[in-house]
Amino acid sequence: MAIKIKLSVILCLLTLFCFAQKVAVLKYQGGGDWYGNPTALPNLVAFCNKNIDTKINPKTEIVEVGSTDIFQYPFLHMTGHGNVFFNETDAENLSNYLISGGFLHIDDNYGMQPYIVKELKKVFPNKDLIELPVNHPIFNSAYKFPKGLPKIHEHDGKRPQAFGLFNNDRLILLFTFESDLGDGWEDPQIHNDPVDVREKALQMGANIIKYAFEN
């Protein structure tokens, strides 16, 4: 896939990534519930602004993966339970966004993994998801997680795993699997998680935000 980035897009990126702290939920095709966990990202933003001195716009947005509007956001969050589909425009646009300085966090809300692995091959045919070691800086950027990604919800009881895609040694995409961070970010009454579990989820989310903005 040829990489073509317009000068106007590059200038937009340089301006926005330097001065803006805005985040958005990524809307995708395929029938999966991209709209899952609607309170998660706003709650994470509020936590970060209060606890790690970020100045993120509290109004989170929704942006389609094939739209050039994604270049307005240095951080994108994607979640869901089911099918994900990227067409050619989606894949090229997302590739350009990520290699130009953007960051995508994909949180598997259970059932998303087989679809996203397949679709990411359209975005980066020559890149594979690599499991991050527990000593990766993302586990120590604001809060310390010496054992790596925390487990928030059980589902199949498998261990939580964090996978990444890299470009020139920069982590450009984080895929969190068997953790359900987003459920832990939601309003407390939705999942009735213990306070300490929800706190772990928000702290790990803050690590991701901090890492994404600083790298």
C-alpha atoms as a PDB file:
ATOM      1  CA  MET A   1       0.000   0.000   0.000  1.00  0.00           C
ATOM      2  CA  ALA A   2       1.486   3.300  -1.074  1.00  0.00           C
ATOM      3  CA  ILE A   3       1.788   5.929   1.637  1.00  0.00           C
ATOM      4  CA  LYS A   4       0.591   9.345   0.552  1.00  0.00           C
ATOM      5  CA  ILE A   5       0.327  12.184   3.026  1.00  0.00           C
ATOM      6  CA  LYS A   6      -0.832  15.604   1.847  1.00  0.00           C
ATOM      7  CA  LEU A   7       1.168  18.645   2.944  1.00  0.00           C
ATOM      8  CA  SER A   8      -1.992  20.165   4.426  1.00  0.00           C
ATOM      9  CA  VAL A   9      -2.455  17.084   6.604  1.00  0.00           C
ATOM     10  CA  ILE A  10       1.165  17.256   7.784  1.00  0.00           C
ATOM     11  CA  LEU A  11       0.796  20.918   8.729  1.00  0.00           C
ATOM     12  CA  CYS A  12      -2.440  20.155  10.542  1.00  0.00           C
ATOM     13  CA  LEU A  13      -0.696  17.384  12.458  1.00  0.00           C
ATOM     14  CA  LEU A  14       2.232  19.552  13.452  1.00  0.00           C
ATOM     15  CA  THR A  15      -0.068  22.241  14.796  1.00  0.00           C
ATOM     16  CA  LEU A  16      -2.521  20.003  16.584  1.00  0.00           C
ATOM     17  CA  PHE A  17      -0.067  17.541  18.092  1.00  0.00           C
ATOM     18  CA  CYS A  18       1.996  20.382  19.518  1.00  0.00           C
ATOM     19  CA  PHE A  19      -0.791  22.465  21.015  1.00  0.00           C
ATOM     20  CA  ALA A  20      -3.969  20.418  21.342  1.00  0.00           C
ATOM     21  CA  GLN A  21      -4.955  17.769  23.838  1.00  0.00           C
ATOM     22  CA  LYS A  22      -8.082  16.276  22.371  1.00  0.00           C
ATOM     23  CA  VAL A  23      -9.212  12.671  22.286  1.00  0.00           C
ATOM     24  CA  ALA A  24     -11.880  10.784  20.377  1.00  0.00           C
ATOM     25  CA  VAL A  25     -13.616   7.428  20.051  1.00  0.00           C
ATOM     26  CA  LEU A  26     -12.985   5.714  16.725  1.00  0.00           C
ATOM     27  CA  LYS A  27     -16.093   4.667  14.778  1.00  0.00           C
ATOM     28  CA  TYR A  28     -15.607   1.734  12.432  1.00  0.00           C
ATOM     29  CA  GLN A  29     -17.592  -0.455  10.043  1.00  0.00           C
ATOM     30  CA  GLY A  30     -18.443  -4.136  10.360  1.00  0.00           C
ATOM     31  CA  GLY A  31     -21.323  -4.211  12.817  1.00  0.00           C
ATOM     32  CA  GLY A  32     -19.256  -4.287  15.993  1.00  0.00           C
ATOM     33  CA  ASP A  33     -20.398  -2.036  18.810  1.00  0.00           C
ATOM     34  CA  TRP A  34     -17.859   0.765  18.445  1.00  0.00           C
ATOM     35  CA  TYR A  35     -20.160   2.790  20.719  1.00  0.00           C
ATOM     36  CA  GLY A  36     -19.673   0.453  23.703  1.00  0.00           C
ATOM     37  CA  ASN A  37     -18.703   1.904  27.095  1.00  0.00           C
ATOM     38  CA  PRO A  38     -19.967   5.440  26.353  1.00  0.00           C
ATOM     39  CA  THR A  39     -18.929   6.866  29.744  1.00  0.00           C
ATOM     40  CA  ALA A  40     -15.457   5.308  29.673  1.00  0.00           C
ATOM     41  CA  LEU A  41     -13.390   7.862  27.772  1.00  0.00           C
ATOM     42  CA  PRO A  42     -14.979  10.958  29.381  1.00  0.00           C
ATOM     43  CA  ASN A  43     -14.316   9.461  32.825  1.00  0.00           C
ATOM     44  CA  LEU A  44     -10.717   8.673  31.907  1.00  0.00           C
ATOM     45  CA  VAL A  45     -10.191  12.234  30.680  1.00  0.00           C
ATOM     46  CA  ALA A  46     -11.597  13.619  33.934  1.00  0.00           C
ATOM     47  CA  PHE A  47      -9.313  11.319  35.937  1.00  0.00           C
ATOM     48  CA  CYS A  48      -6.247  12.364  33.947  1.00  0.00           C
ATOM     49  CA  ASN A  49      -7.003  16.076  34.206  1.00  0.00           C
ATOM     50  CA  LYS A  50      -7.424  15.744  37.954  1.00  0.00           C
ATOM     51  CA  ASN A  51      -4.545  13.408  38.752  1.00  0.00           C
ATOM     52  CA  ILE A  52      -1.745  13.717  36.205  1.00  0.00           C
ATOM     53  CA  ASP A  53      -2.025  17.392  35.232  1.00  0.00           C
ATOM     54  CA  THR A  54      -3.240  16.900  31.672  1.00  0.00           C
ATOM     55  CA  LYS A  55      -5.320  19.601  30.040  1.00  0.00           C
ATOM     56  CA  ILE A  56      -7.475  17.462  27.798  1.00  0.00           C
ATOM     57  CA  ASN A  57     -10.709  18.870  26.423  1.00  0.00           C
ATOM     58  CA  PRO A  58     -13.401  17.185  28.577  1.00  0.00           C
ATOM     59  CA  LYS A  59     -15.674  16.946  25.535  1.00  0.00           C
ATOM     60  CA  THR A  60     -14.659  13.718  23.835  1.00  0.00           C
ATOM     61  CA  GLU A  61     -15.633  13.287  20.192  1.00  0.00           C
ATOM     62  CA  ILE A  62     -16.553  10.502  17.774  1.00  0.00           C
ATOM     63  CA  VAL A  63     -14.590  10.244  14.536  1.00  0.00           C
ATOM     64  CA  GLU A  64     -14.836   7.805  11.624  1.00  0.00           C
ATOM     65  CA  VAL A  65     -11.732   5.820  10.794  1.00  0.00           C
ATOM     66  CA  GLY A  66     -11.797   6.837   7.120  1.00  0.00           C
ATOM     67  CA  SER A  67     -12.172  10.554   7.804  1.00  0.00           C
ATOM     68  CA  THR A  68      -9.288  13.012   7.757  1.00  0.00           C
ATOM     69  CA  ASP A  69     -10.831  14.364  10.958  1.00  0.00           C
ATOM     70  CA  ILE A  70      -8.814  11.741  12.855  1.00  0.00           C
ATOM     71  CA  PHE A  71      -5.764  13.966  12.306  1.00  0.00           C
ATOM     72  CA  GLN A  72      -7.273  16.455  14.754  1.00  0.00           C
ATOM     73  CA  TYR A  73      -6.754  14.026  17.634  1.00  0.00           C
ATOM     74  CA  PRO A  74      -3.361  12.861  18.909  1.00  0.00           C
ATOM     75  CA  PHE A  75      -5.113  10.029  20.777  1.00  0.00           C
ATOM     76  CA  LEU A  76      -7.889   7.734  19.542  1.00  0.00           C
ATOM     77  CA  HIS A  77      -9.694   5.060  21.557  1.00  0.00           C
ATOM     78  CA  MET A  78     -11.416   2.071  19.969  1.00  0.00           C
ATOM     79  CA  THR A  79     -13.467  -0.655  21.604  1.00  0.00           C
ATOM     80  CA  GLY A  80     -16.194  -3.207  20.969  1.00  0.00           C
ATOM     81  CA  HIS A  81     -17.260  -6.831  21.221  1.00  0.00           C
ATOM     82  CA  GLY A  82     -17.649  -7.935  17.627  1.00  0.00           C
ATOM     83  CA  ASN A  83     -16.796  -7.534  13.980  1.00  0.00           C
ATOM     84  CA  VAL A  84     -14.457  -4.841  12.696  1.00  0.00           C
ATOM     85  CA  PHE A  85     -14.001  -3.964   9.030  1.00  0.00           C
ATOM     86  CA  PHE A  86     -11.605  -1.494   7.410  1.00  0.00           C
ATOM     87  CA  ASN A  87     -11.994  -0.725   3.720  1.00  0.00           C
ATOM     88  CA  GLU A  88      -9.045   0.465   1.649  1.00  0.00           C
ATOM     89  CA  THR A  89      -9.660   4.129   2.470  1.00  0.00           C
ATOM     90  CA  ASP A  90      -9.956   3.363   6.186  1.00  0.00           C
ATOM     91  CA  ALA A  91      -6.733   1.360   6.199  1.00  0.00           C
ATOM     92  CA  GLU A  92      -4.701   3.960   4.308  1.00  0.00           C
ATOM     93  CA  ASN A  93      -6.050   6.814   6.407  1.00  0.00           C
ATOM     94  CA  LEU A  94      -5.316   5.039   9.674  1.00  0.00           C
ATOM     95  CA  SER A  95      -1.832   4.083   8.515  1.00  0.00           C
ATOM     96  CA  ASN A  96      -1.050   7.689   7.595  1.00  0.00           C
ATOM     97  CA  TYR A  97      -2.390   8.901  10.933  1.00  0.00           C
ATOM     98  CA  LEU A  98      -0.296   6.487  12.970  1.00  0.00           C
ATOM     99  CA  ILE A  99       3.008   6.932  11.156  1.00  0.00           C
ATOM    100  CA  SER A 100       2.526  10.699  11.287  1.00  0.00           C
ATOM    101  CA  GLY A 101       2.455  10.850  15.075  1.00  0.00           C
ATOM    102  CA  GLY A 102      -1.011   9.673  16.085  1.00  0.00           C
ATOM    103  CA  PHE A 103      -1.726   6.982  18.681  1.00  0.00           C
ATOM    104  CA  LEU A 104      -4.526   4.402  18.774  1.00  0.00           C
ATOM    105  CA  HIS A 105      -5.588   2.420  21.843  1.00  0.00           C
ATOM    106  CA  ILE A 106      -7.790  -0.577  21.063  1.00  0.00           C
ATOM    107  CA  ASP A 107      -9.448  -2.147  24.089  1.00  0.00           C
ATOM    108  CA  ASP A 108     -11.015  -5.541  23.431  1.00  0.00           C
ATOM    109  CA  ASN A 109     -14.305  -5.512  25.305  1.00  0.00           C
ATOM    110  CA  TYR A 110     -14.497  -9.290  24.717  1.00  0.00           C
ATOM    111  CA  GLY A 111     -14.809 -10.896  21.303  1.00  0.00           C
ATOM    112  CA  MET A 112     -13.008  -8.288  19.212  1.00  0.00           C
ATOM    113  CA  GLN A 113      -9.576  -9.898  18.959  1.00  0.00           C
ATOM    114  CA  PRO A 114      -9.875 -12.135  15.851  1.00  0.00           C
ATOM    115  CA  TYR A 115     -11.382  -9.328  13.792  1.00  0.00           C
ATOM    116  CA  ILE A 116      -8.964  -6.580  14.762  1.00  0.00           C
ATOM    117  CA  VAL A 117      -5.907  -8.765  14.177  1.00  0.00           C
ATOM    118  CA  LYS A 118      -7.108  -9.466  10.641  1.00  0.00           C
ATOM    119  CA  GLU A 119      -8.007  -5.856   9.865  1.00  0.00           C
ATOM    120  CA  LEU A 120      -4.735  -4.444  11.178  1.00  0.00           C
ATOM    121  CA  LYS A 121      -2.989  -6.442   8.458  1.00  0.00           C
ATOM    122  CA  LYS A 122      -4.734  -4.152   5.967  1.00  0.00           C
ATOM    123  CA  VAL A 123      -3.305  -1.140   7.750  1.00  0.00           C
ATOM    124  CA  PHE A 124       0.239  -2.495   8.128  1.00  0.00           C
ATOM    125  CA  PRO A 125       0.728  -5.671   6.055  1.00  0.00           C
ATOM    126  CA  ASN A 126       4.334  -6.019   7.196  1.00  0.00           C
ATOM    127  CA  LYS A 127       3.828  -5.390  10.898  1.00  0.00           C
ATOM    128  CA  ASP A 128       2.741  -7.823  13.586  1.00  0.00           C
ATOM    129  CA  LEU A 129       1.313  -7.186  17.026  1.00  0.00           C
ATOM    130  CA  ILE A 130       4.058  -7.750  19.588  1.00  0.00           C
ATOM    131  CA  GLU A 131       3.346  -8.445  23.236  1.00  0.00           C
ATOM    132  CA  LEU A 132       4.817  -5.723  25.416  1.00  0.00           C
ATOM    133  CA  PRO A 133       7.140  -6.828  28.223  1.00  0.00           C
ATOM    134  CA  VAL A 134       6.204  -5.851  31.765  1.00  0.00           C
ATOM    135  CA  ASN A 135       9.134  -3.418  31.864  1.00  0.00           C
ATOM    136  CA  HIS A 136       7.836  -1.375  28.930  1.00  0.00           C
ATOM    137  CA  PRO A 137       7.637   2.348  29.861  1.00  0.00           C
ATOM    138  CA  ILE A 138       3.865   2.422  29.316  1.00  0.00           C
ATOM    139  CA  PHE A 139       3.500   0.454  32.546  1.00  0.00           C
ATOM    140  CA  ASN A 140       5.440   3.085  34.456  1.00  0.00           C
ATOM    141  CA  SER A 141       4.586   6.410  32.776  1.00  0.00           C
ATOM    142  CA  ALA A 142       2.372   7.827  35.559  1.00  0.00           C
ATOM    143  CA  TYR A 143       1.632   4.867  37.835  1.00  0.00           C
ATOM    144  CA  LYS A 144       3.658   1.727  38.436  1.00  0.00           C
ATOM    145  CA  PHE A 145       2.383  -1.621  37.165  1.00  0.00           C
ATOM    146  CA  PRO A 146       5.333  -3.963  37.746  1.00  0.00           C
ATOM    147  CA  LYS A 147       3.310  -6.974  36.571  1.00  0.00           C
ATOM    148  CA  GLY A 148       2.111  -5.249  33.414  1.00  0.00           C
ATOM    149  CA  LEU A 149      -1.495  -4.852  32.290  1.00  0.00           C
ATOM    150  CA  PRO A 150      -4.011  -5.255  35.143  1.00  0.00           C
ATOM    151  CA  LYS A 151      -6.963  -7.621  34.988  1.00  0.00           C
ATOM    152  CA  ILE A 152     -10.255  -5.741  35.368  1.00  0.00           C
ATOM    153  CA  HIS A 153     -12.912  -8.300  34.308  1.00  0.00           C
ATOM    154  CA  GLU A 154     -12.489 -12.066  34.142  1.00  0.00           C
ATOM    155  CA  HIS A 155     -14.484 -13.345  31.137  1.00  0.00           C
ATOM    156  CA  ASP A 156     -12.514 -16.484  30.176  1.00  0.00           C
ATOM    157  CA  GLY A 157     -10.057 -16.151  33.021  1.00  0.00           C
ATOM    158  CA  LYS A 158      -7.129 -15.696  30.653  1.00  0.00           C
ATOM    159  CA  ARG A 159      -4.237 -13.479  31.610  1.00  0.00           C
ATOM    160  CA  PRO A 160      -4.370  -9.862  30.414  1.00  0.00           C
ATOM    161  CA  GLN A 161      -2.029  -9.017  27.545  1.00  0.00           C
ATOM    162  CA  ALA A 162      -0.881  -5.763  25.980  1.00  0.00           C
ATOM    163  CA  PHE A 163       0.212  -5.864  22.347  1.00  0.00           C
ATOM    164  CA  GLY A 164       1.770  -3.102  20.301  1.00  0.00           C
ATOM    165  CA  LEU A 165       2.563  -2.034  16.772  1.00  0.00           C
ATOM    166  CA  PHE A 166       5.761  -0.046  16.325  1.00  0.00           C
ATOM    167  CA  ASN A 167       7.085   2.351  13.715  1.00  0.00           C
ATOM    168  CA  ASN A 168      10.804   3.204  13.957  1.00  0.00           C
ATOM    169  CA  ASP A 169      10.801   2.015  17.588  1.00  0.00           C
ATOM    170  CA  ARG A 170       7.833   4.255  18.475  1.00  0.00           C
ATOM    171  CA  LEU A 171       4.763   2.526  19.880  1.00  0.00           C
ATOM    172  CA  ILE A 172       1.956   3.754  17.627  1.00  0.00           C
ATOM    173  CA  LEU A 173      -0.838   1.355  18.574  1.00  0.00           C
ATOM    174  CA  LEU A 174      -1.720  -0.437  21.804  1.00  0.00           C
ATOM    175  CA  PHE A 175      -4.117  -3.392  21.840  1.00  0.00           C
ATOM    176  CA  THR A 176      -5.257  -4.424  25.322  1.00  0.00           C
ATOM    177  CA  PHE A 177      -6.682  -7.956  25.497  1.00  0.00           C
ATOM    178  CA  GLU A 178      -8.428  -9.893  28.295  1.00  0.00           C
ATOM    179  CA  SER A 179      -8.296  -6.861  30.571  1.00  0.00           C
ATOM    180  CA  ASP A 180     -11.414  -4.775  29.850  1.00  0.00           C
ATOM    181  CA  LEU A 181      -9.903  -1.467  30.888  1.00  0.00           C
ATOM    182  CA  GLY A 182     -12.834   0.429  29.393  1.00  0.00           C
ATOM    183  CA  ASP A 183     -15.322  -1.344  31.654  1.00  0.00           C
ATOM    184  CA  GLY A 184     -13.278  -0.132  34.599  1.00  0.00           C
ATOM    185  CA  TRP A 185     -13.411   3.449  33.307  1.00  0.00           C
ATOM    186  CA  GLU A 186     -17.193   3.479  33.072  1.00  0.00           C
ATOM    187  CA  ASP A 187     -19.484   5.041  35.664  1.00  0.00           C
ATOM    188  CA  PRO A 188     -19.194   2.996  38.896  1.00  0.00           C
ATOM    189  CA  GLN A 189     -22.825   1.846  38.945  1.00  0.00           C
ATOM    190  CA  ILE A 190     -22.617   0.217  35.506  1.00  0.00           C
ATOM    191  CA  HIS A 191     -20.367  -2.703  36.481  1.00  0.00           C
ATOM    192  CA  ASN A 192     -20.222  -2.266  40.258  1.00  0.00           C
ATOM    193  CA  ASP A 193     -16.488  -2.878  40.285  1.00  0.00           C
ATOM    194  CA  PRO A 194     -14.702  -2.588  43.646  1.00  0.00           C
ATOM    195  CA  VAL A 195     -13.084   0.813  44.137  1.00  0.00           C
ATOM    196  CA  ASP A 196      -9.569  -0.598  43.931  1.00  0.00           C
ATOM    197  CA  VAL A 197     -10.286  -2.410  40.656  1.00  0.00           C
ATOM    198  CA  ARG A 198     -11.748   0.700  39.057  1.00  0.00           C
ATOM    199  CA  GLU A 199      -8.795   2.727  40.328  1.00  0.00           C
ATOM    200  CA  LYS A 200      -6.360   0.295  38.705  1.00  0.00           C
ATOM    201  CA  ALA A 201      -8.198   0.597  35.403  1.00  0.00           C
ATOM    202  CA  LEU A 202      -8.154   4.401  35.490  1.00  0.00           C
ATOM    203  CA  GLN A 203      -4.498   4.513  36.518  1.00  0.00           C
ATOM    204  CA  MET A 204      -3.519   2.219  33.644  1.00  0.00           C
ATOM    205  CA  GLY A 205      -5.580   4.387  31.315  1.00  0.00           C
ATOM    206  CA  ALA A 206      -3.739   7.445  32.609  1.00  0.00           C
ATOM    207  CA  ASN A 207      -0.455   5.695  31.827  1.00  0.00           C
ATOM    208  CA  ILE A 208      -1.624   5.130  28.258  1.00  0.00           C
ATOM    209  CA  ILE A 209      -2.717   8.749  27.827  1.00  0.00           C
ATOM    210  CA  LYS A 210       0.501  10.115  29.291  1.00  0.00           C
ATOM    211  CA  TYR A 211       2.652   7.826  27.181  1.00  0.00           C
ATOM    212  CA  ALA A 212       0.742   8.664  24.012  1.00  0.00           C
ATOM    213  CA  PHE A 213       1.048  12.424  24.525  1.00  0.00           C
ATOM    214  CA  GLU A 214       4.744  12.330  25.403  1.00  0.00           C
ATOM    215  CA  ASN A 215       6.077   9.917  22.792  1.00  0.00           C
END
